[in-house]
């Protein structure tokens, strides 16, 4: 009985680590970035007129 609990706990922990450090970065890297820090809403010029 204890062996089953140890295997189950280890499997859950290993799955969490794989999801957090391997799975998520792979699929987050495929998303398109906007190129600006504010999501593409950067305005030009000294006063931010947005003329370009």
N, C-alpha and C. Protein backbone atom coordinates (compact mmCIF):
# COMPACT_ATOMS: atom_id res chain seq x y z
N UNK A 1 0.82 -1.19 0.00
CA UNK A 1 0.00 0.00 0.00
C UNK A 1 0.87 1.27 0.00
N UNK A 2 1.93 1.26 0.81
CA UNK A 2 2.80 2.43 0.86
C UNK A 2 3.54 2.64 -0.45
N UNK A 3 3.88 1.57 -1.10
CA UNK A 3 4.57 1.67 -2.39
C UNK A 3 3.70 2.37 -3.42
N UNK A 4 2.42 2.07 -3.43
CA UNK A 4 1.50 2.70 -4.37
C UNK A 4 1.40 4.20 -4.09
N UNK A 5 1.34 4.58 -2.81
CA UNK A 5 1.27 5.99 -2.46
C UNK A 5 2.55 6.74 -2.84
N UNK A 6 3.69 6.10 -2.65
CA UNK A 6 4.97 6.72 -3.02
C UNK A 6 5.04 6.90 -4.53
N UNK A 7 4.65 5.90 -5.29
CA UNK A 7 4.67 5.99 -6.76
C UNK A 7 3.71 7.07 -7.24
N UNK A 8 2.53 7.13 -6.64
CA UNK A 8 1.56 8.14 -7.02
C UNK A 8 2.06 9.55 -6.71
N UNK A 9 2.63 9.74 -5.54
CA UNK A 9 3.17 11.05 -5.16
C UNK A 9 4.32 11.46 -6.07
N UNK A 10 5.21 10.53 -6.35
CA UNK A 10 6.33 10.83 -7.24
C UNK A 10 5.84 11.16 -8.64
N UNK A 11 4.85 10.46 -9.12
CA UNK A 11 4.30 10.72 -10.46
C UNK A 11 3.67 12.10 -10.54
N UNK A 12 2.93 12.48 -9.51
CA UNK A 12 2.34 13.82 -9.48
C UNK A 12 3.41 14.90 -9.46
N UNK A 13 4.44 14.71 -8.64
CA UNK A 13 5.52 15.69 -8.56
C UNK A 13 6.28 15.79 -9.88
N UNK A 14 6.58 14.67 -10.49
CA UNK A 14 7.30 14.67 -11.77
C UNK A 14 6.44 15.32 -12.86
N UNK A 15 5.15 15.04 -12.87
CA UNK A 15 4.26 15.67 -13.84
C UNK A 15 4.19 17.17 -13.67
N UNK A 16 4.16 17.64 -12.44
CA UNK A 16 4.14 19.08 -12.17
C UNK A 16 5.42 19.74 -12.69
N UNK A 17 6.57 19.12 -12.40
CA UNK A 17 7.84 19.69 -12.83
C UNK A 17 7.93 19.72 -14.36
N UNK A 18 7.50 18.66 -15.01
CA UNK A 18 7.54 18.62 -16.47
C UNK A 18 6.62 19.68 -17.05
N UNK A 19 5.43 19.82 -16.50
CA UNK A 19 4.48 20.82 -17.01
C UNK A 19 5.02 22.23 -16.82
N UNK A 20 5.58 22.51 -15.67
CA UNK A 20 6.03 23.85 -15.36
C UNK A 20 7.28 24.26 -16.13
N UNK A 21 8.26 23.37 -16.24
CA UNK A 21 9.54 23.76 -16.80
C UNK A 21 9.79 23.27 -18.22
N UNK A 22 8.99 22.37 -18.74
CA UNK A 22 9.21 21.85 -20.09
C UNK A 22 8.02 22.15 -20.99
N UNK A 23 6.85 21.73 -20.61
CA UNK A 23 5.66 21.83 -21.46
C UNK A 23 5.27 23.28 -21.73
N UNK A 24 5.13 24.09 -20.68
CA UNK A 24 4.68 25.47 -20.81
C UNK A 24 5.65 26.33 -21.63
N UNK A 25 6.97 26.30 -21.37
CA UNK A 25 7.87 27.13 -22.18
C UNK A 25 7.86 26.77 -23.67
N UNK A 26 7.64 25.52 -24.00
CA UNK A 26 7.61 25.12 -25.41
C UNK A 26 6.44 25.80 -26.11
N UNK A 27 5.27 25.78 -25.50
CA UNK A 27 4.09 26.33 -26.17
C UNK A 27 3.98 27.84 -26.01
N UNK A 28 4.58 28.43 -24.97
CA UNK A 28 4.59 29.88 -24.86
C UNK A 28 5.52 30.48 -25.89
N UNK A 29 6.57 29.76 -26.25
CA UNK A 29 7.52 30.26 -27.24
C UNK A 29 6.93 30.35 -28.63
N UNK A 30 5.87 29.64 -28.91
CA UNK A 30 5.25 29.65 -30.23
C UNK A 30 4.29 30.81 -30.43
N UNK A 31 3.91 31.50 -29.37
CA UNK A 31 2.99 32.62 -29.50
C UNK A 31 3.71 33.81 -30.13
N UNK A 32 2.98 34.59 -30.89
CA UNK A 32 3.55 35.73 -31.58
C UNK A 32 3.69 36.91 -30.62
N UNK A 33 4.86 37.51 -30.61
CA UNK A 33 5.05 38.68 -29.77
C UNK A 33 4.75 39.94 -30.56
N UNK A 34 4.34 40.98 -29.86
CA UNK A 34 3.95 42.21 -30.53
C UNK A 34 5.14 43.10 -30.85
N UNK A 35 6.26 42.93 -30.18
CA UNK A 35 7.43 43.72 -30.45
C UNK A 35 7.57 44.96 -29.59
N UNK A 36 6.53 45.35 -28.87
CA UNK A 36 6.61 46.49 -27.96
C UNK A 36 6.21 46.05 -26.57
N UNK A 37 6.64 46.83 -25.60
CA UNK A 37 6.37 46.46 -24.22
C UNK A 37 4.92 46.65 -23.82
N UNK A 38 4.21 47.54 -24.49
CA UNK A 38 2.83 47.79 -24.10
C UNK A 38 1.81 47.16 -25.05
N UNK A 39 2.22 46.20 -25.82
CA UNK A 39 1.29 45.47 -26.68
C UNK A 39 0.98 46.16 -27.99
N UNK A 40 1.90 46.95 -28.51
CA UNK A 40 1.69 47.58 -29.80
C UNK A 40 0.98 48.92 -29.74
N UNK A 41 0.87 49.52 -28.57
CA UNK A 41 0.17 50.79 -28.42
C UNK A 41 1.14 51.96 -28.25
N UNK A 42 2.39 51.75 -28.62
CA UNK A 42 3.40 52.78 -28.46
C UNK A 42 3.13 53.92 -29.44
N UNK A 43 3.18 55.13 -28.95
CA UNK A 43 2.97 56.30 -29.80
C UNK A 43 4.31 56.97 -30.04
N UNK A 44 4.39 57.66 -31.16
CA UNK A 44 5.67 58.27 -31.54
C UNK A 44 5.71 59.74 -31.14
N UNK A 45 6.90 60.30 -31.26
CA UNK A 45 7.05 61.72 -30.98
C UNK A 45 7.23 62.01 -29.50
N UNK A 46 7.49 63.26 -29.21
CA UNK A 46 7.71 63.68 -27.82
C UNK A 46 6.44 63.69 -27.00
N UNK A 47 5.32 64.02 -27.64
CA UNK A 47 4.05 64.14 -26.91
C UNK A 47 3.14 62.95 -27.12
N UNK A 48 3.58 61.94 -27.85
CA UNK A 48 2.77 60.73 -28.07
C UNK A 48 1.55 60.99 -28.90
N UNK A 49 1.72 61.76 -29.99
CA UNK A 49 0.57 62.14 -30.80
C UNK A 49 0.01 60.99 -31.64
N UNK A 50 0.83 59.99 -31.91
CA UNK A 50 0.37 58.86 -32.71
C UNK A 50 0.24 59.19 -34.19
N UNK A 51 1.05 60.11 -34.68
CA UNK A 51 0.92 60.58 -36.05
C UNK A 51 1.53 59.63 -37.08
N UNK A 52 2.30 58.65 -36.68
CA UNK A 52 2.90 57.73 -37.65
C UNK A 52 2.29 56.37 -37.55
